[in-house]
Amino acid sequence: MCRNIKPLFNFEPPSSRMEMHDAALQFVRKVSGYTQPSQTNAAAFHEAVEDIERIVDRMLASLETNAPPRDRDLMAAKKRERTAARYGVRA
């Protein structure tokens, strides 16, 4: 799957509309093969993004877990550490 699509479930604060939109847009780009659709396909492309965004919102609202909510800042810091260890620190 796309590396730009990030997990959105079980975060505090909950995922924003923009995060859901970005994930839906990235998914539609991947599936369609377009980064920017032609004028002919623009309506179908944007409709698909909106549909997927609504489905993601509904799914996230219905999911349940007993795990404590994850901290976005902590997750980002861990990712930076892994990246630095893998690629080295750039000056």
N, C-alpha and C. Protein backbone atom coordinates (compact mmCIF):
# COMPACT_ATOMS: atom_id res chain seq x y z
N MET A 1 0.86 -1.18 0.00
CA MET A 1 0.00 0.00 0.00
C MET A 1 0.89 1.23 0.00
N CYS A 2 0.29 2.37 -0.15
CA CYS A 2 1.03 3.63 -0.21
C CYS A 2 1.67 3.94 1.12
N ARG A 3 2.90 4.36 1.10
CA ARG A 3 3.55 4.71 2.36
C ARG A 3 3.02 6.02 2.92
N ASN A 4 2.32 6.80 2.10
CA ASN A 4 1.77 8.07 2.58
C ASN A 4 0.43 7.90 3.29
N ILE A 5 -0.17 6.73 3.22
CA ILE A 5 -1.40 6.49 3.95
C ILE A 5 -1.02 6.01 5.35
N LYS A 6 -1.39 6.79 6.33
CA LYS A 6 -1.01 6.51 7.72
C LYS A 6 -2.20 5.91 8.47
N PRO A 7 -1.93 5.11 9.50
CA PRO A 7 -3.03 4.64 10.34
C PRO A 7 -3.77 5.82 10.95
N LEU A 8 -5.08 5.74 11.02
CA LEU A 8 -5.90 6.83 11.52
C LEU A 8 -6.72 6.44 12.75
N PHE A 9 -6.71 5.17 13.12
CA PHE A 9 -7.56 4.70 14.21
C PHE A 9 -6.85 4.77 15.55
N ASN A 10 -7.61 5.09 16.58
CA ASN A 10 -7.21 5.06 17.98
C ASN A 10 -6.13 6.09 18.31
N PHE A 11 -6.35 7.32 17.87
CA PHE A 11 -5.46 8.42 18.23
C PHE A 11 -6.21 9.41 19.09
N GLU A 12 -5.47 10.09 19.92
CA GLU A 12 -6.03 11.17 20.72
C GLU A 12 -5.25 12.43 20.41
N PRO A 13 -5.84 13.45 19.87
CA PRO A 13 -7.24 13.59 19.47
C PRO A 13 -7.53 12.73 18.24
N PRO A 14 -8.81 12.45 17.98
CA PRO A 14 -9.18 11.62 16.83
C PRO A 14 -8.70 12.21 15.51
N SER A 15 -8.63 11.37 14.50
CA SER A 15 -8.19 11.82 13.18
C SER A 15 -9.08 12.93 12.66
N SER A 16 -8.45 13.88 12.00
CA SER A 16 -9.19 15.04 11.47
C SER A 16 -9.77 14.71 10.09
N ARG A 17 -10.69 15.55 9.66
CA ARG A 17 -11.26 15.43 8.31
C ARG A 17 -10.15 15.51 7.26
N MET A 18 -9.18 16.40 7.49
CA MET A 18 -8.09 16.57 6.53
C MET A 18 -7.26 15.29 6.41
N GLU A 19 -7.00 14.63 7.52
CA GLU A 19 -6.25 13.37 7.48
C GLU A 19 -7.03 12.30 6.71
N MET A 20 -8.34 12.24 6.95
CA MET A 20 -9.17 11.27 6.23
C MET A 20 -9.20 11.61 4.75
N HIS A 21 -9.31 12.88 4.42
CA HIS A 21 -9.33 13.31 3.02
C HIS A 21 -8.00 12.96 2.34
N ASP A 22 -6.89 13.25 3.01
CA ASP A 22 -5.57 12.96 2.43
C ASP A 22 -5.39 11.47 2.18
N ALA A 23 -5.84 10.63 3.11
CA ALA A 23 -5.74 9.18 2.93
C ALA A 23 -6.62 8.72 1.76
N ALA A 24 -7.84 9.26 1.68
CA ALA A 24 -8.75 8.90 0.58
C ALA A 24 -8.17 9.34 -0.76
N LEU A 25 -7.62 10.55 -0.81
CA LEU A 25 -7.02 11.06 -2.04
C LEU A 25 -5.84 10.18 -2.47
N GLN A 26 -4.98 9.81 -1.53
CA GLN A 26 -3.84 8.97 -1.86
C GLN A 26 -4.29 7.60 -2.36
N PHE A 27 -5.33 7.05 -1.74
CA PHE A 27 -5.86 5.76 -2.17
C PHE A 27 -6.39 5.84 -3.60
N VAL A 28 -7.19 6.86 -3.89
CA VAL A 28 -7.76 7.01 -5.24
C VAL A 28 -6.66 7.24 -6.26
N ARG A 29 -5.64 8.01 -5.91
CA ARG A 29 -4.51 8.21 -6.82
C ARG A 29 -3.83 6.89 -7.14
N LYS A 30 -3.63 6.08 -6.12
CA LYS A 30 -2.96 4.79 -6.31
C LYS A 30 -3.80 3.86 -7.19
N VAL A 31 -5.09 3.76 -6.88
CA VAL A 31 -5.95 2.84 -7.60
C VAL A 31 -6.16 3.29 -9.05
N SER A 32 -6.34 4.60 -9.25
CA SER A 32 -6.62 5.11 -10.59
C SER A 32 -5.38 5.25 -11.45
N GLY A 33 -4.24 5.42 -10.81
CA GLY A 33 -3.01 5.65 -11.56
C GLY A 33 -2.81 7.12 -11.91
N TYR A 34 -3.71 7.99 -11.46
CA TYR A 34 -3.61 9.43 -11.72
C TYR A 34 -3.12 10.16 -10.49
N THR A 35 -2.21 11.09 -10.68
CA THR A 35 -1.92 12.03 -9.59
C THR A 35 -2.84 13.23 -9.74
N GLN A 36 -3.15 13.55 -10.99
CA GLN A 36 -4.09 14.62 -11.31
C GLN A 36 -4.92 14.11 -12.49
N PRO A 37 -6.23 13.92 -12.31
CA PRO A 37 -7.04 13.37 -13.40
C PRO A 37 -7.24 14.38 -14.53
N SER A 38 -7.55 13.88 -15.70
CA SER A 38 -7.89 14.76 -16.83
C SER A 38 -9.23 15.43 -16.53
N GLN A 39 -9.56 16.47 -17.28
CA GLN A 39 -10.84 17.16 -17.08
C GLN A 39 -12.00 16.20 -17.28
N THR A 40 -11.85 15.26 -18.18
CA THR A 40 -12.90 14.29 -18.46
C THR A 40 -13.17 13.41 -17.24
N ASN A 41 -12.13 13.06 -16.52
CA ASN A 41 -12.26 12.13 -15.39
C ASN A 41 -12.29 12.82 -14.03
N ALA A 42 -12.19 14.15 -14.00
CA ALA A 42 -12.08 14.87 -12.73
C ALA A 42 -13.29 14.65 -11.82
N ALA A 43 -14.49 14.68 -12.38
CA ALA A 43 -15.69 14.52 -11.55
C ALA A 43 -15.72 13.15 -10.89
N ALA A 44 -15.44 12.10 -11.66
CA ALA A 44 -15.44 10.74 -11.11
C ALA A 44 -14.34 10.58 -10.06
N PHE A 45 -13.18 11.17 -10.31
CA PHE A 45 -12.06 11.11 -9.39
C PHE A 45 -12.42 11.75 -8.05
N HIS A 46 -12.93 12.97 -8.10
CA HIS A 46 -13.27 13.69 -6.86
C HIS A 46 -14.46 13.07 -6.13
N GLU A 47 -15.39 12.52 -6.87
CA GLU A 47 -16.52 11.81 -6.24
C GLU A 47 -16.03 10.58 -5.49
N ALA A 48 -15.07 9.87 -6.10
CA ALA A 48 -14.50 8.69 -5.43
C ALA A 48 -13.79 9.09 -4.15
N VAL A 49 -13.04 10.18 -4.18
CA VAL A 49 -12.34 10.66 -2.97
C VAL A 49 -13.36 10.97 -1.88
N GLU A 50 -14.43 11.67 -2.23
CA GLU A 50 -15.46 12.01 -1.23
C GLU A 50 -16.14 10.78 -0.68
N ASP A 51 -16.46 9.80 -1.55
CA ASP A 51 -17.10 8.57 -1.10
C ASP A 51 -16.20 7.81 -0.12
N ILE A 52 -14.94 7.69 -0.46
CA ILE A 52 -14.01 6.95 0.39
C ILE A 52 -13.80 7.68 1.71
N GLU A 53 -13.73 9.00 1.66
CA GLU A 53 -13.59 9.77 2.89
C GLU A 53 -14.78 9.53 3.82
N ARG A 54 -16.00 9.50 3.28
CA ARG A 54 -17.18 9.22 4.12
C ARG A 54 -17.12 7.80 4.70
N ILE A 55 -16.70 6.86 3.91
CA ILE A 55 -16.61 5.47 4.37
C ILE A 55 -15.56 5.33 5.48
N VAL A 56 -14.42 5.99 5.31
CA VAL A 56 -13.37 5.95 6.33
C VAL A 56 -13.89 6.56 7.64
N ASP A 57 -14.58 7.70 7.53
CA ASP A 57 -15.14 8.35 8.71
C ASP A 57 -16.11 7.41 9.43
N ARG A 58 -17.00 6.78 8.68
CA ARG A 58 -17.97 5.85 9.26
C ARG A 58 -17.27 4.65 9.90
N MET A 59 -16.25 4.12 9.22
CA MET A 59 -15.54 2.97 9.75
C MET A 59 -14.82 3.32 11.04
N LEU A 60 -14.10 4.46 11.06
CA LEU A 60 -13.37 4.85 12.27
C LEU A 60 -14.31 5.08 13.45
N ALA A 61 -15.49 5.60 13.16
CA ALA A 61 -16.48 5.84 14.23
C ALA A 61 -17.03 4.53 14.79
N SER A 62 -17.05 3.48 13.98
CA SER A 62 -17.64 2.21 14.43
C SER A 62 -16.63 1.24 15.03
N LEU A 63 -15.34 1.46 14.81
CA LEU A 63 -14.32 0.57 15.36
C LEU A 63 -14.23 0.73 16.87
N GLU A 64 -13.92 -0.36 17.55
CA GLU A 64 -13.77 -0.35 19.00
C GLU A 64 -12.46 -1.02 19.38
N THR A 65 -11.89 -0.57 20.48
CA THR A 65 -10.67 -1.17 21.00
C THR A 65 -10.59 -0.98 22.50
N ASN A 66 -9.86 -1.87 23.14
CA ASN A 66 -9.59 -1.73 24.58
C ASN A 66 -8.23 -1.10 24.81
N ALA A 67 -7.46 -0.91 23.74
CA ALA A 67 -6.13 -0.33 23.85
C ALA A 67 -6.23 1.16 24.15
N PRO A 68 -5.28 1.68 24.90
CA PRO A 68 -5.30 3.13 25.16
C PRO A 68 -5.01 3.89 23.86
N PRO A 69 -5.54 5.10 23.74
CA PRO A 69 -5.28 5.89 22.53
C PRO A 69 -3.80 6.16 22.34
N ARG A 70 -3.38 6.18 21.09
CA ARG A 70 -1.97 6.45 20.77
C ARG A 70 -1.74 7.96 20.71
N ASP A 71 -0.51 8.34 21.00
CA ASP A 71 -0.11 9.75 20.98
C ASP A 71 0.58 10.04 19.65
N ARG A 72 0.07 10.99 18.89
CA ARG A 72 0.62 11.32 17.57
C ARG A 72 2.07 11.79 17.66
N ASP A 73 2.37 12.64 18.63
CA ASP A 73 3.72 13.17 18.76
C ASP A 73 4.72 12.08 19.09
N LEU A 74 4.32 11.16 19.96
CA LEU A 74 5.19 10.05 20.32
C LEU A 74 5.43 9.14 19.12
N MET A 75 4.37 8.85 18.35
CA MET A 75 4.51 8.01 17.15
C MET A 75 5.43 8.68 16.12
N ALA A 76 5.31 10.00 15.94
CA ALA A 76 6.15 10.73 15.00
C ALA A 76 7.60 10.72 15.46
N ALA A 77 7.84 10.86 16.76
CA ALA A 77 9.20 10.83 17.29
C ALA A 77 9.84 9.46 17.07
N LYS A 78 9.08 8.40 17.29
CA LYS A 78 9.60 7.05 17.06
C LYS A 78 9.95 6.85 15.59
N LYS A 79 9.09 7.37 14.71
CA LYS A 79 9.35 7.23 13.27
C LYS A 79 10.62 7.99 12.88
N ARG A 80 10.81 9.19 13.44
CA ARG A 80 12.04 9.95 13.15
C ARG A 80 13.27 9.19 13.63
N GLU A 81 13.18 8.56 14.80
CA GLU A 81 14.30 7.78 15.33
C GLU A 81 14.63 6.60 14.42
N ARG A 82 13.59 5.88 13.96
CA ARG A 82 13.81 4.75 13.05
C ARG A 82 14.44 5.22 11.74
N THR A 83 13.97 6.35 11.23
CA THR A 83 14.50 6.88 9.99
C THR A 83 15.96 7.29 10.16
N ALA A 84 16.28 7.94 11.27
CA ALA A 84 17.65 8.35 11.52
C ALA A 84 18.57 7.14 11.65
N ALA A 85 18.09 6.09 12.33
CA ALA A 85 18.89 4.88 12.49
C ALA A 85 19.10 4.17 11.15
N ARG A 86 18.08 4.22 10.31
CA ARG A 86 18.16 3.53 9.02
C ARG A 86 18.99 4.29 8.01
N TYR A 87 18.82 5.60 7.93
CA TYR A 87 19.48 6.38 6.89
C TYR A 87 20.60 7.27 7.40
N GLY A 88 20.75 7.36 8.70
CA GLY A 88 21.75 8.25 9.27
C GLY A 88 21.22 9.65 9.40
N VAL A 89 21.82 10.41 10.25
CA VAL A 89 21.38 11.78 10.50
C VAL A 89 22.01 12.68 9.46
N ARG A 90 21.19 13.52 8.84
CA ARG A 90 21.70 14.48 7.86
C ARG A 90 21.98 15.81 8.52
N ALA A 91 23.05 16.43 8.13
CA ALA A 91 23.42 17.73 8.70
C ALA A 91 22.73 18.86 7.99
